[in-house]
């Protein structure tokens, strides 16, 4: 499963934008998305007690880079 998570995080073309927003702004973000007819999906939560990056408990190297178009 580790290589699958790495591929999902660092591989392929990027056709979606990811962003973070404070949970207190959830309603404002949802209203803006509705106004713009823009589908948004919550894909995770940032927690202060967690160190590093993980997906479903699997630790990932957040310093790993995806494909470099300029090499």
N, C-alpha and C. Protein backbone atom coordinates (compact mmCIF):
# COMPACT_ATOMS: atom_id res chain seq x y z
N UNK A 1 0.80 -1.21 0.00
CA UNK A 1 0.00 0.00 0.00
C UNK A 1 0.84 1.27 0.00
N UNK A 2 2.08 1.24 0.51
CA UNK A 2 2.90 2.44 0.59
C UNK A 2 3.18 3.07 -0.74
N UNK A 3 3.52 2.27 -1.74
CA UNK A 3 3.84 2.83 -3.06
C UNK A 3 2.61 3.44 -3.72
N UNK A 4 1.44 2.93 -3.41
CA UNK A 4 0.20 3.49 -3.96
C UNK A 4 -0.02 4.89 -3.38
N UNK A 5 0.16 5.03 -2.06
CA UNK A 5 -0.01 6.34 -1.44
C UNK A 5 1.01 7.34 -1.98
N UNK A 6 2.26 6.90 -2.18
CA UNK A 6 3.27 7.81 -2.73
C UNK A 6 2.89 8.23 -4.15
N UNK A 7 2.39 7.31 -4.95
CA UNK A 7 1.99 7.64 -6.32
C UNK A 7 0.82 8.62 -6.32
N UNK A 8 -0.11 8.43 -5.42
CA UNK A 8 -1.25 9.35 -5.35
C UNK A 8 -0.82 10.74 -4.96
N UNK A 9 0.16 10.85 -4.07
CA UNK A 9 0.58 12.15 -3.58
C UNK A 9 1.55 12.84 -4.53
N UNK A 10 2.43 12.09 -5.17
CA UNK A 10 3.52 12.70 -5.92
C UNK A 10 3.49 12.43 -7.42
N UNK A 11 2.62 11.60 -7.90
CA UNK A 11 2.67 11.22 -9.31
C UNK A 11 1.51 11.76 -10.10
N UNK A 12 1.62 11.67 -11.40
CA UNK A 12 0.53 12.03 -12.28
C UNK A 12 0.38 13.52 -12.52
N UNK A 13 -0.60 13.83 -13.32
CA UNK A 13 -0.89 15.23 -13.64
C UNK A 13 -1.84 15.80 -12.60
N UNK A 14 -1.72 17.08 -12.36
CA UNK A 14 -2.55 17.75 -11.37
C UNK A 14 -3.69 18.48 -12.06
N UNK A 15 -4.90 18.00 -11.85
CA UNK A 15 -6.07 18.63 -12.45
C UNK A 15 -6.99 19.22 -11.40
N UNK A 16 -6.66 19.05 -10.15
CA UNK A 16 -7.46 19.56 -9.05
C UNK A 16 -6.57 20.43 -8.18
N UNK A 17 -7.16 21.41 -7.56
CA UNK A 17 -6.45 22.25 -6.61
C UNK A 17 -6.80 21.81 -5.19
N UNK A 18 -5.80 21.78 -4.34
CA UNK A 18 -6.01 21.46 -2.94
C UNK A 18 -5.78 22.71 -2.12
N UNK A 19 -6.55 22.90 -1.08
CA UNK A 19 -6.33 24.05 -0.21
C UNK A 19 -6.80 23.70 1.18
N UNK A 20 -6.34 24.49 2.12
CA UNK A 20 -6.81 24.33 3.51
C UNK A 20 -7.59 25.57 3.90
N UNK A 21 -8.50 25.37 4.82
CA UNK A 21 -9.29 26.48 5.35
C UNK A 21 -9.61 26.15 6.81
N UNK A 22 -9.67 27.17 7.66
CA UNK A 22 -10.03 26.92 9.05
C UNK A 22 -11.44 26.34 9.15
N UNK A 23 -11.65 25.42 10.06
CA UNK A 23 -12.98 24.82 10.21
C UNK A 23 -14.04 25.87 10.53
N UNK A 24 -13.64 26.96 11.16
CA UNK A 24 -14.59 28.04 11.47
C UNK A 24 -15.12 28.71 10.20
N UNK A 25 -14.43 28.55 9.09
CA UNK A 25 -14.84 29.15 7.82
C UNK A 25 -15.58 28.18 6.90
N UNK A 26 -15.92 27.00 7.43
CA UNK A 26 -16.55 25.97 6.60
C UNK A 26 -17.80 26.49 5.89
N UNK A 27 -18.68 27.16 6.61
CA UNK A 27 -19.92 27.66 6.02
C UNK A 27 -19.65 28.69 4.93
N UNK A 28 -18.69 29.59 5.16
CA UNK A 28 -18.35 30.61 4.16
C UNK A 28 -17.79 29.98 2.90
N UNK A 29 -16.93 28.99 3.07
CA UNK A 29 -16.35 28.30 1.91
C UNK A 29 -17.44 27.56 1.15
N UNK A 30 -18.34 26.89 1.87
CA UNK A 30 -19.44 26.16 1.22
C UNK A 30 -20.36 27.12 0.45
N UNK A 31 -20.64 28.28 1.02
CA UNK A 31 -21.49 29.27 0.34
C UNK A 31 -20.81 29.81 -0.91
N UNK A 32 -19.52 30.08 -0.84
CA UNK A 32 -18.78 30.56 -2.00
C UNK A 32 -18.77 29.51 -3.10
N UNK A 33 -18.54 28.26 -2.72
CA UNK A 33 -18.54 27.18 -3.70
C UNK A 33 -19.90 27.08 -4.38
N UNK A 34 -20.96 27.21 -3.60
CA UNK A 34 -22.31 27.16 -4.17
C UNK A 34 -22.54 28.34 -5.12
N UNK A 35 -22.13 29.53 -4.72
CA UNK A 35 -22.29 30.72 -5.56
C UNK A 35 -21.55 30.56 -6.89
N UNK A 36 -20.35 29.96 -6.83
CA UNK A 36 -19.54 29.78 -8.04
C UNK A 36 -19.86 28.50 -8.80
N UNK A 37 -20.81 27.72 -8.27
CA UNK A 37 -21.14 26.42 -8.85
C UNK A 37 -19.88 25.56 -8.97
N UNK A 38 -19.12 25.53 -7.90
CA UNK A 38 -17.83 24.85 -7.85
C UNK A 38 -17.91 23.70 -6.86
N UNK A 39 -17.82 22.46 -7.34
CA UNK A 39 -17.88 21.33 -6.40
C UNK A 39 -16.61 21.25 -5.56
N UNK A 40 -16.77 21.19 -4.25
CA UNK A 40 -15.65 21.03 -3.33
C UNK A 40 -15.85 19.77 -2.52
N UNK A 41 -14.75 19.14 -2.15
CA UNK A 41 -14.81 17.91 -1.37
C UNK A 41 -13.77 17.98 -0.25
N UNK A 42 -14.19 17.70 0.95
CA UNK A 42 -13.27 17.62 2.07
C UNK A 42 -12.51 16.30 1.95
N UNK A 43 -11.18 16.38 1.94
CA UNK A 43 -10.38 15.16 1.78
C UNK A 43 -9.55 14.84 3.02
N UNK A 44 -9.62 15.68 4.03
CA UNK A 44 -8.84 15.40 5.22
C UNK A 44 -8.91 16.52 6.23
N UNK A 45 -8.22 16.31 7.32
CA UNK A 45 -8.20 17.26 8.42
C UNK A 45 -6.76 17.41 8.88
N UNK A 46 -6.35 18.63 9.13
CA UNK A 46 -5.03 18.89 9.69
C UNK A 46 -5.17 18.94 11.20
N UNK A 47 -4.35 18.15 11.88
CA UNK A 47 -4.43 18.10 13.33
C UNK A 47 -3.11 18.57 13.94
N UNK A 48 -3.15 19.34 15.01
CA UNK A 48 -1.93 19.89 15.58
C UNK A 48 -1.04 18.85 16.26
N UNK A 49 -1.59 17.76 16.74
CA UNK A 49 -0.79 16.78 17.44
C UNK A 49 -0.05 15.81 16.52
N UNK A 50 -0.31 15.86 15.24
CA UNK A 50 0.30 14.95 14.29
C UNK A 50 1.57 15.58 13.72
N UNK A 51 2.63 14.81 13.60
CA UNK A 51 3.88 15.29 13.03
C UNK A 51 4.07 14.65 11.67
N UNK A 52 4.42 15.45 10.69
CA UNK A 52 4.61 14.92 9.34
C UNK A 52 3.30 14.80 8.60
N UNK A 53 3.33 14.07 7.53
CA UNK A 53 2.18 13.90 6.66
C UNK A 53 1.82 12.43 6.61
N UNK A 54 0.54 12.13 6.77
CA UNK A 54 0.11 10.74 6.68
C UNK A 54 -1.24 10.67 5.99
N UNK A 55 -1.47 9.55 5.35
CA UNK A 55 -2.75 9.26 4.72
C UNK A 55 -3.23 7.95 5.32
N UNK A 56 -4.37 7.98 5.97
CA UNK A 56 -4.92 6.80 6.64
C UNK A 56 -3.90 6.13 7.54
N UNK A 57 -3.11 6.93 8.25
CA UNK A 57 -2.13 6.39 9.18
C UNK A 57 -0.81 5.99 8.57
N UNK A 58 -0.67 6.08 7.26
CA UNK A 58 0.58 5.72 6.59
C UNK A 58 1.43 6.98 6.44
N UNK A 59 2.61 6.99 7.07
CA UNK A 59 3.48 8.16 7.03
C UNK A 59 4.08 8.35 5.63
N UNK A 60 4.06 9.59 5.16
CA UNK A 60 4.61 9.91 3.84
C UNK A 60 5.74 10.91 3.99
N UNK A 61 6.68 10.86 3.05
CA UNK A 61 7.78 11.82 3.03
C UNK A 61 7.28 13.10 2.37
N UNK A 62 7.05 14.13 3.17
CA UNK A 62 6.51 15.38 2.62
C UNK A 62 7.55 16.16 1.84
N UNK A 63 8.81 15.74 1.87
CA UNK A 63 9.86 16.40 1.10
C UNK A 63 10.02 15.79 -0.29
N UNK A 64 9.37 14.66 -0.53
CA UNK A 64 9.46 14.02 -1.85
C UNK A 64 8.76 14.90 -2.88
N UNK A 65 9.35 14.98 -4.03
CA UNK A 65 8.80 15.82 -5.08
C UNK A 65 8.14 14.97 -6.16
N UNK A 66 7.20 15.56 -6.85
CA UNK A 66 6.58 14.91 -7.99
C UNK A 66 7.45 15.11 -9.22
N UNK A 67 6.89 14.92 -10.38
CA UNK A 67 7.61 15.05 -11.63
C UNK A 67 8.06 16.49 -11.82
N UNK A 68 9.30 16.68 -12.21
CA UNK A 68 9.86 18.01 -12.47
C UNK A 68 9.86 18.27 -13.97
N UNK A 69 9.01 19.14 -14.44
CA UNK A 69 8.88 19.42 -15.86
C UNK A 69 10.09 20.13 -16.45
N UNK A 70 10.96 20.65 -15.60
CA UNK A 70 12.08 21.44 -16.08
C UNK A 70 13.41 20.68 -16.07
N UNK A 71 13.38 19.41 -15.79
CA UNK A 71 14.62 18.61 -15.84
C UNK A 71 14.87 18.09 -17.21
